[in-house]
Amino acid sequence: MASNHPNPASLSEPPLATSGEHAPRFRAPATRGGTPGAIRVLAVVDGELRETLGDAALAELPDLLDHRDTPVWVDLTSPTADLAIRVGDALNLHPLIVEDVLEGNQRAKIETTDGQIHIVLFNLTYGERVDAAELDFVLGEGYLLTVHDASWDPRATNHLRSGVAPVLRHGPDHLLWALSDDLVDGYFPFADRLGDAIDDVQDEVVRTASRETVERMFLLKRELIAVRRAVSPVREVFNQLTNRDIPMISPDELVYFRDIYDHVIRLTDELDNYRELAATTLDVYLTQVNNNLSVIMKRLTGVTVILAGIGAIAGIFGMSEAGAAFAGSEAGGFWIVTVVTISLALGAAYVLRRIDWI
């Protein structure tokens, strides 16, 4: 099956792979490591799963697509530009879909082009920071195309651990549900981790408003933004899948996609709550800083009151009186003034202590 659309010249070279601190990364072509992109084609033929790899899989693909009753799964891992174009020709993909698949750096979305549904989702992993790896799904008549890098293994997902055949027998749309459901379920541990971290930071802010605490708070806010950037658009993706008449998705499968949609709604609500908690925690930190500054100013004021009283009395009597007292004359008056001054200072300290100024 040849493509009816010319391939853009921009696909002749693989895109450069770059990464941002908290942005979905570009998909690095496998050729960067000297290894060609991997292709795997799985199909249920006469009730049995048939799996082929490499050039043999690409050669067999047109024959499998000719049998509309044969569900086919085409899995690409870090494809090169040449491999992606050849698969695009075999599947009659629109050139824009091929270009998006190669480029990466998309946002979660759903697009319908020439009767093919292109869905972009993200797989979240957590190391020193949250990393969102892009996954592309293209659902067509009788097939599902998945494109990803080596960090994600679709066969390790919950629904495929016991085998691909039981899922693929129900059709490519059911396989799309199985993979999407696992991705969305994988978002919840990240949300829970962020929620626990925000609770810990809130406790630290109440105990002590330190610089390390506010740095941790800003780090959590950046991670929260990264997760929301990957998750929030997913709500609209499954809203369209469950509320639009899409021929490639069986009516019997809609209930499964609605279940994912319900999970996404709950997840986005949790993330919105965490965002509010993070903003509130920052406000609490600023309030604590202002309170600490007020306490310091009160204590400085109290000390100033005591020292100002002592200084005023000492200024009235002067250093000459002290010198005369130490010389043996007028000693009684000096010590009386000294005792009165110390007593007044102690009395002022007692009163300021009772009103919590020192």
Protein backbone atom coordinates (compact mmCIF):
# COMPACT_ATOMS: atom_id res chain seq x y z
CA MET A 1 0.00 0.00 0.00
CA ALA A 2 1.69 3.18 -1.12
CA SER A 3 1.10 6.50 0.51
CA ASN A 4 -0.94 9.04 -1.42
CA HIS A 5 0.91 11.90 0.24
CA PRO A 6 4.39 13.10 -0.60
CA ASN A 7 6.86 12.78 2.26
CA PRO A 8 8.25 16.13 3.38
CA ALA A 9 11.93 16.73 2.81
CA SER A 10 12.35 17.53 6.47
CA LEU A 11 12.01 13.81 7.27
CA SER A 12 15.18 12.89 5.42
CA GLU A 13 17.31 13.58 8.49
CA PRO A 14 16.52 12.52 12.07
CA PRO A 15 15.73 15.43 14.39
CA LEU A 16 18.20 16.43 17.04
CA ALA A 17 17.45 15.18 20.52
CA THR A 18 17.37 17.83 23.19
CA SER A 19 15.91 17.89 26.66
CA GLY A 20 14.64 20.44 29.13
CA GLU A 21 14.78 20.19 32.86
CA HIS A 22 11.10 19.42 33.23
CA ALA A 23 9.87 19.25 29.65
CA PRO A 24 9.00 16.13 27.64
CA ARG A 25 12.17 15.11 25.89
CA PHE A 26 12.77 14.73 22.18
CA ARG A 27 12.80 11.13 21.07
CA ALA A 28 16.41 10.23 20.33
CA PRO A 29 16.78 8.14 17.15
CA ALA A 30 18.36 4.77 17.74
CA THR A 31 21.00 5.54 15.11
CA ARG A 32 22.71 7.85 17.58
CA GLY A 33 24.04 4.73 19.26
CA GLY A 34 24.90 3.08 15.96
CA THR A 35 21.90 0.72 16.12
CA PRO A 36 19.04 0.88 13.62
CA GLY A 37 15.53 1.50 14.92
CA ALA A 38 13.64 -1.60 15.99
CA ILE A 39 10.32 -2.70 14.50
CA ARG A 40 8.08 -5.48 15.76
CA VAL A 41 4.84 -6.56 14.09
CA LEU A 42 2.37 -8.71 15.99
CA ALA A 43 -0.86 -10.05 14.52
CA VAL A 44 -3.50 -12.58 15.50
CA VAL A 45 -3.80 -14.92 12.51
CA ASP A 46 -6.26 -17.82 12.72
CA GLY A 47 -6.50 -17.30 16.48
CA GLU A 48 -2.75 -17.52 17.03
CA LEU A 49 -0.27 -14.72 17.71
CA ARG A 50 2.33 -14.19 15.00
CA GLU A 51 5.33 -12.00 15.76
CA THR A 52 8.00 -10.87 13.32
CA LEU A 53 10.91 -8.48 13.71
CA GLY A 54 13.03 -6.23 11.55
CA ASP A 55 12.92 -6.29 7.76
CA ALA A 56 10.80 -9.44 7.77
CA ALA A 57 8.15 -7.64 9.79
CA LEU A 58 8.17 -4.69 7.41
CA ALA A 59 7.87 -6.99 4.39
CA GLU A 60 4.97 -8.91 5.93
CA LEU A 61 3.06 -5.83 6.99
CA PRO A 62 1.22 -5.08 3.69
CA ASP A 63 -0.15 -8.64 3.49
CA LEU A 64 -1.40 -8.49 7.07
CA LEU A 65 -3.14 -5.17 6.46
CA ASP A 66 -4.97 -6.59 3.45
CA HIS A 67 -6.90 -8.87 5.82
CA ARG A 68 -9.16 -6.42 7.66
CA ASP A 69 -10.26 -9.09 10.15
CA THR A 70 -6.65 -9.56 11.33
CA PRO A 71 -5.76 -7.20 14.21
CA VAL A 72 -2.21 -5.90 13.79
CA TRP A 73 0.13 -4.17 16.22
CA VAL A 74 3.15 -2.33 14.82
CA ASP A 75 5.63 -1.37 17.52
CA LEU A 76 8.53 0.99 16.74
CA THR A 77 11.35 1.65 19.19
CA SER A 78 13.41 4.81 18.54
CA PRO A 79 12.85 4.63 14.77
CA THR A 80 15.15 6.22 12.26
CA ALA A 81 13.71 8.62 9.71
CA ASP A 82 14.02 6.00 6.97
CA LEU A 83 12.24 3.32 9.00
CA ALA A 84 9.45 5.70 10.03
CA ILE A 85 8.88 6.75 6.42
CA ARG A 86 8.76 3.12 5.24
CA VAL A 87 6.26 2.22 7.94
CA GLY A 88 4.29 5.34 7.11
CA ASP A 89 4.12 4.25 3.46
CA ALA A 90 2.98 0.78 4.46
CA LEU A 91 0.25 2.15 6.76
CA ASN A 92 -0.64 5.03 4.40
CA LEU A 93 0.02 7.53 7.17
CA HIS A 94 -0.33 11.25 6.59
CA PRO A 95 3.12 12.92 6.31
CA LEU A 96 2.31 15.21 9.23
CA ILE A 97 1.79 12.18 11.48
CA VAL A 98 5.15 10.76 10.43
CA GLU A 99 6.80 14.11 11.04
CA ASP A 100 5.27 14.44 14.53
CA VAL A 101 6.26 10.87 15.38
CA LEU A 102 9.88 11.51 14.45
CA GLU A 103 10.20 14.94 16.01
CA GLY A 104 8.73 14.24 19.41
CA ASN A 105 8.43 17.20 21.78
CA GLN A 106 4.64 17.23 21.38
CA ARG A 107 2.04 17.89 24.03
CA ALA A 108 -0.55 15.28 24.96
CA LYS A 109 -3.13 15.50 22.19
CA ILE A 110 -5.51 13.68 19.86
CA GLU A 111 -5.79 14.41 16.16
CA THR A 112 -7.79 12.71 13.43
CA THR A 113 -6.20 12.84 9.97
CA ASP A 114 -7.41 10.88 6.91
CA GLY A 115 -9.33 8.42 9.07
CA GLN A 116 -6.37 7.81 11.39
CA ILE A 117 -6.27 8.80 15.06
CA HIS A 118 -2.96 10.13 16.33
CA ILE A 119 -2.70 10.20 20.12
CA VAL A 120 0.26 11.51 22.13
CA LEU A 121 0.64 10.47 25.76
CA PHE A 122 3.55 10.48 28.20
CA ASN A 123 5.19 7.88 30.38
CA LEU A 124 6.43 9.36 33.66
CA THR A 125 9.57 8.14 35.39
CA TYR A 126 11.08 9.52 38.58
CA GLY A 127 14.79 9.72 39.34
CA GLU A 128 16.46 12.91 40.46
CA ARG A 129 13.57 14.68 38.74
CA VAL A 130 10.35 13.85 36.92
CA ASP A 131 11.03 12.74 33.34
CA ALA A 132 8.17 12.60 30.82
CA ALA A 133 8.88 10.41 27.78
CA GLU A 134 6.60 10.86 24.77
CA LEU A 135 4.61 7.93 23.37
CA ASP A 136 2.78 8.10 20.04
CA PHE A 137 -0.22 5.94 19.17
CA VAL A 138 -1.76 5.82 15.70
CA LEU A 139 -5.02 3.90 15.46
CA GLY A 140 -6.16 2.97 11.97
CA GLU A 141 -8.45 0.47 10.33
CA GLY A 142 -7.29 -2.90 11.65
CA TYR A 143 -4.00 -1.78 13.23
CA LEU A 144 -2.37 0.11 16.07
CA LEU A 145 1.03 1.79 15.67
CA THR A 146 3.04 2.60 18.79
CA VAL A 147 6.23 4.65 18.73
CA HIS A 148 8.42 5.11 21.79
CA ASP A 149 12.00 4.99 22.99
CA ALA A 150 13.69 2.17 24.85
CA SER A 151 12.78 3.52 28.29
CA TRP A 152 9.24 2.16 27.94
CA ASP A 153 8.48 -1.51 27.37
CA PRO A 154 4.82 -2.02 26.36
CA ARG A 155 4.99 -5.73 27.15
CA ALA A 156 5.81 -4.92 30.77
CA THR A 157 2.47 -3.12 31.25
CA ASN A 158 -0.13 -4.70 33.51
CA HIS A 159 -2.52 -5.87 30.80
CA LEU A 160 0.17 -7.40 28.57
CA ARG A 161 2.28 -9.21 31.15
CA SER A 162 0.29 -12.39 30.67
CA GLY A 163 0.56 -12.14 26.89
CA VAL A 164 -0.36 -9.96 23.94
CA ALA A 165 -2.73 -12.35 22.21
CA PRO A 166 -5.63 -12.17 24.74
CA VAL A 167 -5.71 -8.38 24.37
CA LEU A 168 -5.00 -8.08 20.65
CA ARG A 169 -7.73 -10.61 19.79
CA HIS A 170 -10.29 -8.00 20.85
CA GLY A 171 -8.93 -5.58 18.28
CA PRO A 172 -6.40 -2.71 18.03
CA ASP A 173 -8.78 -0.38 19.89
CA HIS A 174 -8.74 -2.73 22.89
CA LEU A 175 -4.94 -2.80 22.76
CA LEU A 176 -4.96 1.02 22.74
CA TRP A 177 -7.13 0.95 25.86
CA ALA A 178 -4.81 -1.55 27.60
CA LEU A 179 -1.68 0.54 27.00
CA SER A 180 -3.40 3.85 27.82
CA ASP A 181 -4.93 2.48 31.00
CA ASP A 182 -1.53 1.39 32.27
CA LEU A 183 -0.02 4.81 31.50
CA VAL A 184 -2.78 6.69 33.33
CA ASP A 185 -2.64 4.35 36.32
CA GLY A 186 1.09 5.03 36.46
CA TYR A 187 0.42 8.74 37.03
CA PHE A 188 -1.18 8.20 40.44
CA PRO A 189 2.05 7.20 42.29
CA PHE A 190 3.60 10.47 41.13
CA ALA A 191 0.63 12.45 42.39
CA ASP A 192 0.76 10.62 45.73
CA ARG A 193 4.51 11.23 46.00
CA LEU A 194 4.02 14.95 45.37
CA GLY A 195 1.18 15.11 47.89
CA ASP A 196 3.31 13.48 50.61
CA ALA A 197 6.25 15.76 49.81
CA ILE A 198 4.05 18.86 50.05
CA ASP A 199 2.73 17.70 53.43
CA ASP A 200 6.30 17.29 54.70
CA VAL A 201 7.28 20.74 53.48
CA GLN A 202 4.22 22.27 55.14
CA ASP A 203 5.28 20.75 58.46
CA GLU A 204 8.80 22.10 58.01
CA VAL A 205 7.50 25.57 57.17
CA VAL A 206 5.41 25.66 60.36
CA ARG A 207 8.37 24.49 62.48
CA THR A 208 11.05 26.66 60.89
CA ALA A 209 11.06 28.87 57.80
CA SER A 210 14.56 28.09 56.50
CA ARG A 211 16.14 28.70 53.12
CA GLU A 212 16.39 24.97 52.46
CA THR A 213 12.66 24.60 53.01
CA VAL A 214 11.70 27.23 50.46
CA GLU A 215 14.18 25.76 47.93
CA ARG A 216 12.51 22.38 48.37
CA MET A 217 9.12 24.05 47.93
CA PHE A 218 10.14 25.58 44.62
CA LEU A 219 11.52 22.23 43.45
CA LEU A 220 8.19 20.57 44.26
CA LYS A 221 6.34 23.28 42.35
CA ARG A 222 8.51 22.65 39.27
CA GLU A 223 7.85 18.91 39.50
CA LEU A 224 4.14 19.58 39.90
CA ILE A 225 4.18 21.74 36.77
CA ALA A 226 5.97 18.96 34.87
CA VAL A 227 3.38 16.36 35.91
CA ARG A 228 0.46 18.67 35.15
CA ARG A 229 1.92 19.48 31.73
CA ALA A 230 1.95 15.78 30.88
CA VAL A 231 -1.37 14.87 32.51
CA SER A 232 -3.78 17.77 32.12
CA PRO A 233 -4.24 17.54 28.31
CA VAL A 234 -4.97 13.81 28.66
CA ARG A 235 -8.39 14.72 30.02
CA GLU A 236 -9.39 16.27 26.69
CA VAL A 237 -7.91 13.30 24.79
CA PHE A 238 -10.21 10.78 26.45
CA ASN A 239 -13.10 13.20 26.47
CA GLN A 240 -12.96 13.21 22.68
CA LEU A 241 -12.45 9.44 22.49
CA THR A 242 -15.58 8.80 24.56
CA ASN A 243 -17.84 11.51 23.14
CA ARG A 244 -17.08 11.46 19.42
CA ASP A 245 -18.26 8.94 16.84
CA ILE A 246 -14.97 7.28 15.85
CA PRO A 247 -15.31 4.35 13.43
CA MET A 248 -12.01 2.77 14.54
CA ILE A 249 -13.27 2.35 18.11
CA SER A 250 -15.96 -0.22 18.74
CA PRO A 251 -18.98 0.92 20.80
CA ASP A 252 -18.24 -1.97 23.15
CA GLU A 253 -14.83 -0.41 23.92
CA LEU A 254 -16.22 2.98 24.93
CA VAL A 255 -16.96 1.81 28.46
CA TYR A 256 -13.26 1.00 28.90
CA PHE A 257 -12.16 4.43 27.68
CA ARG A 258 -14.75 6.08 29.94
CA ASP A 259 -13.12 4.32 32.88
CA ILE A 260 -9.79 5.91 31.94
CA TYR A 261 -11.53 9.26 31.56
CA ASP A 262 -12.90 8.98 35.10
CA HIS A 263 -9.40 8.23 36.40
CA VAL A 264 -7.97 11.24 34.57
CA ILE A 265 -10.65 13.54 36.02
CA ARG A 266 -9.83 12.37 39.53
CA LEU A 267 -6.12 12.75 38.88
CA THR A 268 -6.38 16.29 37.50
CA ASP A 269 -8.53 17.28 40.48
CA GLU A 270 -5.84 15.98 42.82
CA LEU A 271 -3.13 17.87 40.95
CA ASP A 272 -5.17 21.07 41.14
CA ASN A 273 -5.50 20.57 44.89
CA TYR A 274 -1.76 20.03 45.20
CA ARG A 275 -1.13 23.20 43.23
CA GLU A 276 -3.30 25.14 45.67
CA LEU A 277 -1.52 23.52 48.61
CA ALA A 278 1.86 24.46 47.16
CA ALA A 279 0.78 28.07 46.69
CA THR A 280 -0.67 28.16 50.21
CA THR A 281 2.53 26.69 51.63
CA LEU A 282 4.55 29.46 50.01
CA ASP A 283 2.19 32.04 51.52
CA VAL A 284 2.62 30.39 54.92
CA TYR A 285 6.40 30.59 54.50
CA LEU A 286 6.24 34.33 53.74
CA THR A 287 3.94 34.83 56.74
CA GLN A 288 6.39 32.95 58.96
CA VAL A 289 9.26 35.12 57.73
CA ASN A 290 7.27 38.28 58.51
CA ASN A 291 6.33 36.95 61.93
CA ASN A 292 9.95 36.13 62.72
CA LEU A 293 10.97 39.63 61.63
CA SER A 294 8.31 41.13 63.90
CA VAL A 295 9.58 39.09 66.85
CA ILE A 296 13.14 40.25 66.19
CA MET A 297 12.03 43.89 65.98
CA LYS A 298 10.12 43.60 69.27
CA ARG A 299 13.15 42.12 71.04
CA LEU A 300 15.45 44.79 69.66
CA THR A 301 12.97 47.43 70.81
CA GLY A 302 12.87 45.93 74.32
CA VAL A 303 16.65 45.87 74.57
CA THR A 304 16.75 49.45 73.30
CA VAL A 305 14.32 50.57 76.03
CA ILE A 306 16.51 49.07 78.75
CA LEU A 307 19.78 50.42 77.37
CA ALA A 308 18.26 53.85 76.65
CA GLY A 309 17.17 54.17 80.31
CA ILE A 310 20.60 53.25 81.59
CA GLY A 311 22.23 55.63 79.11
CA ALA A 312 19.94 58.51 80.07
CA ILE A 313 20.74 58.19 83.79
CA ALA A 314 24.45 57.84 83.11
CA GLY A 315 24.33 60.90 80.90
CA ILE A 316 22.68 63.03 83.61
CA PHE A 317 25.27 62.27 86.27
CA GLY A 318 28.27 62.28 83.92
CA MET A 319 31.62 60.59 84.09
CA SER A 320 32.98 63.23 86.54
CA GLU A 321 30.61 62.00 89.24
CA ALA A 322 31.79 58.46 88.72
CA GLY A 323 35.39 59.57 88.93
CA ALA A 324 34.74 61.43 92.17
CA ALA A 325 32.97 58.40 93.62
CA PHE A 326 35.84 56.07 92.82
CA ALA A 327 38.23 58.65 94.29
CA GLY A 328 36.49 58.36 97.65
CA SER A 329 34.24 61.41 97.60
CA GLU A 330 30.50 61.33 97.06
CA ALA A 331 30.65 57.53 96.94
CA GLY A 332 27.26 57.08 98.60
CA GLY A 333 25.38 59.03 95.94
CA PHE A 334 27.10 57.17 93.14
CA TRP A 335 26.14 53.78 94.48
CA ILE A 336 22.60 54.89 95.18
CA VAL A 337 22.23 56.05 91.57
CA THR A 338 23.83 52.83 90.35
CA VAL A 339 21.47 50.62 92.39
CA VAL A 340 18.44 52.63 91.24
CA THR A 341 19.56 52.40 87.62
CA ILE A 342 20.08 48.64 87.80
CA SER A 343 16.74 48.19 89.57
CA LEU A 344 14.92 50.19 86.92
CA ALA A 345 16.65 48.18 84.19
CA LEU A 346 15.67 44.90 85.85
CA GLY A 347 12.10 46.12 86.33
CA ALA A 348 11.87 47.12 82.68
CA ALA A 349 13.30 43.73 81.66
CA TYR A 350 10.71 41.96 83.83
CA VAL A 351 7.81 43.91 82.33
CA LEU A 352 9.07 43.39 78.75
CA ARG A 353 9.52 39.69 79.45
CA ARG A 354 5.94 39.40 80.69
CA ILE A 355 4.60 40.94 77.48
CA ASP A 356 6.90 38.68 75.40
CA TRP A 357 9.05 41.44 73.96
CA ILE A 358 12.34 39.89 75.01
